[in-house]
Amino acid sequence: RSTSYLRRKSSPPSDVPKGSLAVYVGEEGRRFVIPISYLNHPLFQELLKKSEEEFGYTHYGAMHLPC
């Protein structure tokens, strides 16, 4: 694949404001847009650990949280 394809694939969705990211929660994959500052919160860190255990890091372009 071309590098332009990879650049397009890794760019954030147009509806996600700068300084935010989209996360998908639960089995139904409900989507939330959250401030990136949440990534440093201890409870969010715990969710990231659980996400790594359940999903690993193979889901490119999206963050999935198992709650």
C-alpha atoms as a PDB file:
ATOM      1  CA  ARG A   1       0.000   0.000   0.000  1.00  0.00           C
ATOM      2  CA  SER A   2       1.122   3.504  -0.665  1.00  0.00           C
ATOM      3  CA  THR A   3       2.242   5.859   2.072  1.00  0.00           C
ATOM      4  CA  SER A   4      -0.556   8.272   1.157  1.00  0.00           C
ATOM      5  CA  TYR A   5      -3.051   5.514   1.991  1.00  0.00           C
ATOM      6  CA  LEU A   6      -1.366   5.000   5.366  1.00  0.00           C
ATOM      7  CA  ARG A   7      -1.444   8.727   6.095  1.00  0.00           C
ATOM      8  CA  ARG A   8      -5.160   8.904   5.297  1.00  0.00           C
ATOM      9  CA  LYS A   9      -5.844   5.842   7.409  1.00  0.00           C
ATOM     10  CA  SER A  10      -4.041   7.232  10.465  1.00  0.00           C
ATOM     11  CA  SER A  11      -5.504  10.740  10.387  1.00  0.00           C
ATOM     12  CA  PRO A  12      -8.223  11.466  12.956  1.00  0.00           C
ATOM     13  CA  PRO A  13     -11.860  11.578  11.871  1.00  0.00           C
ATOM     14  CA  SER A  14     -13.019  15.054  10.860  1.00  0.00           C
ATOM     15  CA  ASP A  15     -15.571  15.175  13.702  1.00  0.00           C
ATOM     16  CA  VAL A  16     -12.898  14.769  16.417  1.00  0.00           C
ATOM     17  CA  PRO A  17     -11.678  18.182  17.605  1.00  0.00           C
ATOM     18  CA  LYS A  18      -7.976  18.863  18.048  1.00  0.00           C
ATOM     19  CA  GLY A  19      -6.891  17.713  21.506  1.00  0.00           C
ATOM     20  CA  SER A  20      -9.496  14.937  21.614  1.00  0.00           C
ATOM     21  CA  LEU A  21      -9.789  11.314  20.552  1.00  0.00           C
ATOM     22  CA  ALA A  22     -12.567   8.878  19.778  1.00  0.00           C
ATOM     23  CA  VAL A  23     -12.973   5.746  21.890  1.00  0.00           C
ATOM     24  CA  TYR A  24     -15.374   2.847  21.404  1.00  0.00           C
ATOM     25  CA  VAL A  25     -16.880   1.362  24.557  1.00  0.00           C
ATOM     26  CA  GLY A  26     -18.403  -2.015  25.339  1.00  0.00           C
ATOM     27  CA  GLU A  27     -19.558  -4.841  23.132  1.00  0.00           C
ATOM     28  CA  GLU A  28     -21.828  -2.549  21.123  1.00  0.00           C
ATOM     29  CA  GLY A  29     -18.941  -0.172  20.408  1.00  0.00           C
ATOM     30  CA  ARG A  30     -20.627   3.031  21.549  1.00  0.00           C
ATOM     31  CA  ARG A  31     -18.456   5.942  20.406  1.00  0.00           C
ATOM     32  CA  PHE A  32     -17.319   8.798  22.643  1.00  0.00           C
ATOM     33  CA  VAL A  33     -15.054  11.751  21.893  1.00  0.00           C
ATOM     34  CA  ILE A  34     -12.936  12.599  24.942  1.00  0.00           C
ATOM     35  CA  PRO A  35     -10.168  15.105  25.754  1.00  0.00           C
ATOM     36  CA  ILE A  36      -6.685  13.572  25.490  1.00  0.00           C
ATOM     37  CA  SER A  37      -6.012  14.818  29.042  1.00  0.00           C
ATOM     38  CA  TYR A  38      -8.183  11.897  30.244  1.00  0.00           C
ATOM     39  CA  LEU A  39      -5.394   9.531  29.195  1.00  0.00           C
ATOM     40  CA  ASN A  40      -3.425  10.550  32.317  1.00  0.00           C
ATOM     41  CA  HIS A  41      -6.274   9.887  34.792  1.00  0.00           C
ATOM     42  CA  PRO A  42      -5.680   6.787  37.017  1.00  0.00           C
ATOM     43  CA  LEU A  43      -9.118   5.298  36.264  1.00  0.00           C
ATOM     44  CA  PHE A  44      -8.591   5.713  32.541  1.00  0.00           C
ATOM     45  CA  GLN A  45      -5.160   4.078  32.883  1.00  0.00           C
ATOM     46  CA  GLU A  46      -6.888   1.051  34.443  1.00  0.00           C
ATOM     47  CA  LEU A  47      -9.329   0.908  31.518  1.00  0.00           C
ATOM     48  CA  LEU A  48      -6.379   0.979  29.117  1.00  0.00           C
ATOM     49  CA  LYS A  49      -4.804  -2.003  30.902  1.00  0.00           C
ATOM     50  CA  LYS A  50      -8.056  -3.966  30.640  1.00  0.00           C
ATOM     51  CA  SER A  51      -8.375  -2.977  27.004  1.00  0.00           C
ATOM     52  CA  GLU A  52      -4.872  -4.247  26.277  1.00  0.00           C
ATOM     53  CA  GLU A  53      -5.686  -7.573  27.958  1.00  0.00           C
ATOM     54  CA  GLU A  54      -8.936  -8.038  26.052  1.00  0.00           C
ATOM     55  CA  PHE A  55      -8.188  -6.494  22.649  1.00  0.00           C
ATOM     56  CA  GLY A  56      -4.413  -6.110  22.438  1.00  0.00           C
ATOM     57  CA  TYR A  57      -3.002  -3.327  20.279  1.00  0.00           C
ATOM     58  CA  THR A  58      -3.939  -4.690  16.871  1.00  0.00           C
ATOM     59  CA  HIS A  59      -6.999  -2.457  16.308  1.00  0.00           C
ATOM     60  CA  TYR A  60      -5.550   0.256  14.101  1.00  0.00           C
ATOM     61  CA  GLY A  61      -7.272   3.625  14.042  1.00  0.00           C
ATOM     62  CA  ALA A  62      -9.597   3.048  16.989  1.00  0.00           C
ATOM     63  CA  MET A  63      -9.378   2.653  20.741  1.00  0.00           C
ATOM     64  CA  HIS A  64     -11.706   0.009  22.198  1.00  0.00           C
ATOM     65  CA  LEU A  65     -12.543  -0.144  25.909  1.00  0.00           C
ATOM     66  CA  PRO A  66     -14.183  -3.247  27.435  1.00  0.00           C
ATOM     67  CA  CYS A  67     -16.650  -1.707  29.872  1.00  0.00           C
END
